[in-house]
Amino acid sequence: MTLDDLRRRFPHGFALYAFDPGAPVTLEVHATNGVMLTYRARTEAEAIAAFLADIAPPAEPEPVSEPEPAVDVFD
């Protein structure tokens, strides 16, 4: 996801900044309910990936299948 993608998906506000060259970057995403989520990472892509991992819906558990019954010669 690029910064333009973030801008379209989260129009209520976000910021990405670094104070020193080579220093970690900070991504701040402002939610509509006033909550601000903050992520620090080595690169822009890593900060965005960390944010997306946090907002992703939880994975559905794999369905557990019952083992096939043994075939019996009398069936």
C-alpha atoms as a PDB file:
ATOM      1  CA  MET A   1       0.000   0.000   0.000  1.00  0.00           C
ATOM      2  CA  THR A   2       1.338   3.417  -0.915  1.00  0.00           C
ATOM      3  CA  LEU A   3       0.837   6.765   0.776  1.00  0.00           C
ATOM      4  CA  ASP A   4      -1.759   7.629  -1.877  1.00  0.00           C
ATOM      5  CA  ASP A   5      -3.624   4.402  -1.007  1.00  0.00           C
ATOM      6  CA  LEU A   6      -3.545   5.381   2.683  1.00  0.00           C
ATOM      7  CA  ARG A   7      -4.833   8.856   1.859  1.00  0.00           C
ATOM      8  CA  ARG A   8      -7.807   7.398  -0.022  1.00  0.00           C
ATOM      9  CA  ARG A   9      -8.542   4.732   2.585  1.00  0.00           C
ATOM     10  CA  PHE A  10      -8.065   6.927   5.677  1.00  0.00           C
ATOM     11  CA  PRO A  11      -9.104  10.458   4.674  1.00  0.00           C
ATOM     12  CA  HIS A  12      -9.484  11.532   8.331  1.00  0.00           C
ATOM     13  CA  GLY A  13      -5.704  11.880   8.567  1.00  0.00           C
ATOM     14  CA  PHE A  14      -2.332  10.264   8.817  1.00  0.00           C
ATOM     15  CA  ALA A  15       1.268  11.412   8.991  1.00  0.00           C
ATOM     16  CA  LEU A  16       4.556   9.775   8.092  1.00  0.00           C
ATOM     17  CA  TYR A  17       7.755  11.426   9.228  1.00  0.00           C
ATOM     18  CA  ALA A  18      11.378  10.950  10.232  1.00  0.00           C
ATOM     19  CA  PHE A  19      13.482  13.545  11.992  1.00  0.00           C
ATOM     20  CA  ASP A  20      16.955  12.371  11.002  1.00  0.00           C
ATOM     21  CA  PRO A  21      18.277  10.734   7.815  1.00  0.00           C
ATOM     22  CA  GLY A  22      18.525   6.990   8.365  1.00  0.00           C
ATOM     23  CA  ALA A  23      16.484   7.166  11.583  1.00  0.00           C
ATOM     24  CA  PRO A  24      13.281   5.165  12.036  1.00  0.00           C
ATOM     25  CA  VAL A  25      10.127   6.598  10.499  1.00  0.00           C
ATOM     26  CA  THR A  26       6.906   7.178  12.390  1.00  0.00           C
ATOM     27  CA  LEU A  27       3.465   6.558  10.929  1.00  0.00           C
ATOM     28  CA  GLU A  28       0.494   8.087  12.726  1.00  0.00           C
ATOM     29  CA  VAL A  29      -3.025   7.208  11.630  1.00  0.00           C
ATOM     30  CA  HIS A  30      -5.907   9.246  13.021  1.00  0.00           C
ATOM     31  CA  ALA A  31      -9.152   7.301  13.400  1.00  0.00           C
ATOM     32  CA  THR A  32     -12.577   8.882  13.146  1.00  0.00           C
ATOM     33  CA  ASN A  33     -13.203   8.203  16.858  1.00  0.00           C
ATOM     34  CA  GLY A  34     -10.229  10.376  17.854  1.00  0.00           C
ATOM     35  CA  VAL A  35      -7.822   7.508  18.476  1.00  0.00           C
ATOM     36  CA  MET A  36      -4.341   7.901  17.021  1.00  0.00           C
ATOM     37  CA  LEU A  37      -2.388   4.763  16.134  1.00  0.00           C
ATOM     38  CA  THR A  38       1.401   5.159  16.041  1.00  0.00           C
ATOM     39  CA  TYR A  39       3.960   2.858  14.407  1.00  0.00           C
ATOM     40  CA  ARG A  40       7.751   3.226  14.290  1.00  0.00           C
ATOM     41  CA  ALA A  41       9.803   1.191  11.843  1.00  0.00           C
ATOM     42  CA  ARG A  42      13.011   1.304   9.820  1.00  0.00           C
ATOM     43  CA  THR A  43      11.202   2.113   6.565  1.00  0.00           C
ATOM     44  CA  GLU A  44       7.931   3.529   5.280  1.00  0.00           C
ATOM     45  CA  ALA A  45       6.930   0.114   3.927  1.00  0.00           C
ATOM     46  CA  GLU A  46       7.568  -1.599   7.286  1.00  0.00           C
ATOM     47  CA  ALA A  47       5.536   1.017   9.174  1.00  0.00           C
ATOM     48  CA  ILE A  48       2.624   0.651   6.741  1.00  0.00           C
ATOM     49  CA  ALA A  49       2.830  -3.163   6.939  1.00  0.00           C
ATOM     50  CA  ALA A  50       2.721  -3.047  10.766  1.00  0.00           C
ATOM     51  CA  PHE A  51      -0.356  -0.815  10.642  1.00  0.00           C
ATOM     52  CA  LEU A  52      -2.127  -3.042   8.121  1.00  0.00           C
ATOM     53  CA  ALA A  53      -1.352  -6.129  10.206  1.00  0.00           C
ATOM     54  CA  ASP A  54      -3.006  -4.480  13.224  1.00  0.00           C
ATOM     55  CA  ILE A  55      -6.198  -3.568  11.393  1.00  0.00           C
ATOM     56  CA  ALA A  56      -6.571  -6.829   9.467  1.00  0.00           C
ATOM     57  CA  PRO A  57      -9.529  -8.922  10.592  1.00  0.00           C
ATOM     58  CA  PRO A  58      -8.532 -11.976  12.579  1.00  0.00           C
ATOM     59  CA  ALA A  59      -7.981 -15.039  10.454  1.00  0.00           C
ATOM     60  CA  GLU A  60     -10.738 -17.607  10.424  1.00  0.00           C
ATOM     61  CA  PRO A  61      -9.670 -20.798  12.172  1.00  0.00           C
ATOM     62  CA  GLU A  62      -9.134 -23.743   9.874  1.00  0.00           C
ATOM     63  CA  PRO A  63     -12.120 -26.097   9.985  1.00  0.00           C
ATOM     64  CA  VAL A  64     -11.352 -29.353  11.719  1.00  0.00           C
ATOM     65  CA  SER A  65     -12.483 -32.261   9.635  1.00  0.00           C
ATOM     66  CA  GLU A  66     -13.469 -35.530  11.164  1.00  0.00           C
ATOM     67  CA  PRO A  67     -11.332 -38.476  10.102  1.00  0.00           C
ATOM     68  CA  GLU A  68     -12.911 -40.802   7.589  1.00  0.00           C
ATOM     69  CA  PRO A  69     -14.359 -43.884   9.263  1.00  0.00           C
ATOM     70  CA  ALA A  70     -12.427 -47.060   8.593  1.00  0.00           C
ATOM     71  CA  VAL A  71     -13.869 -49.138   5.821  1.00  0.00           C
ATOM     72  CA  ASP A  72     -15.305 -52.371   7.147  1.00  0.00           C
ATOM     73  CA  VAL A  73     -15.794 -55.417   4.985  1.00  0.00           C
ATOM     74  CA  PHE A  74     -19.350 -55.719   6.397  1.00  0.00           C
ATOM     75  CA  ASP A  75     -20.412 -52.223   5.156  1.00  0.00           C
END
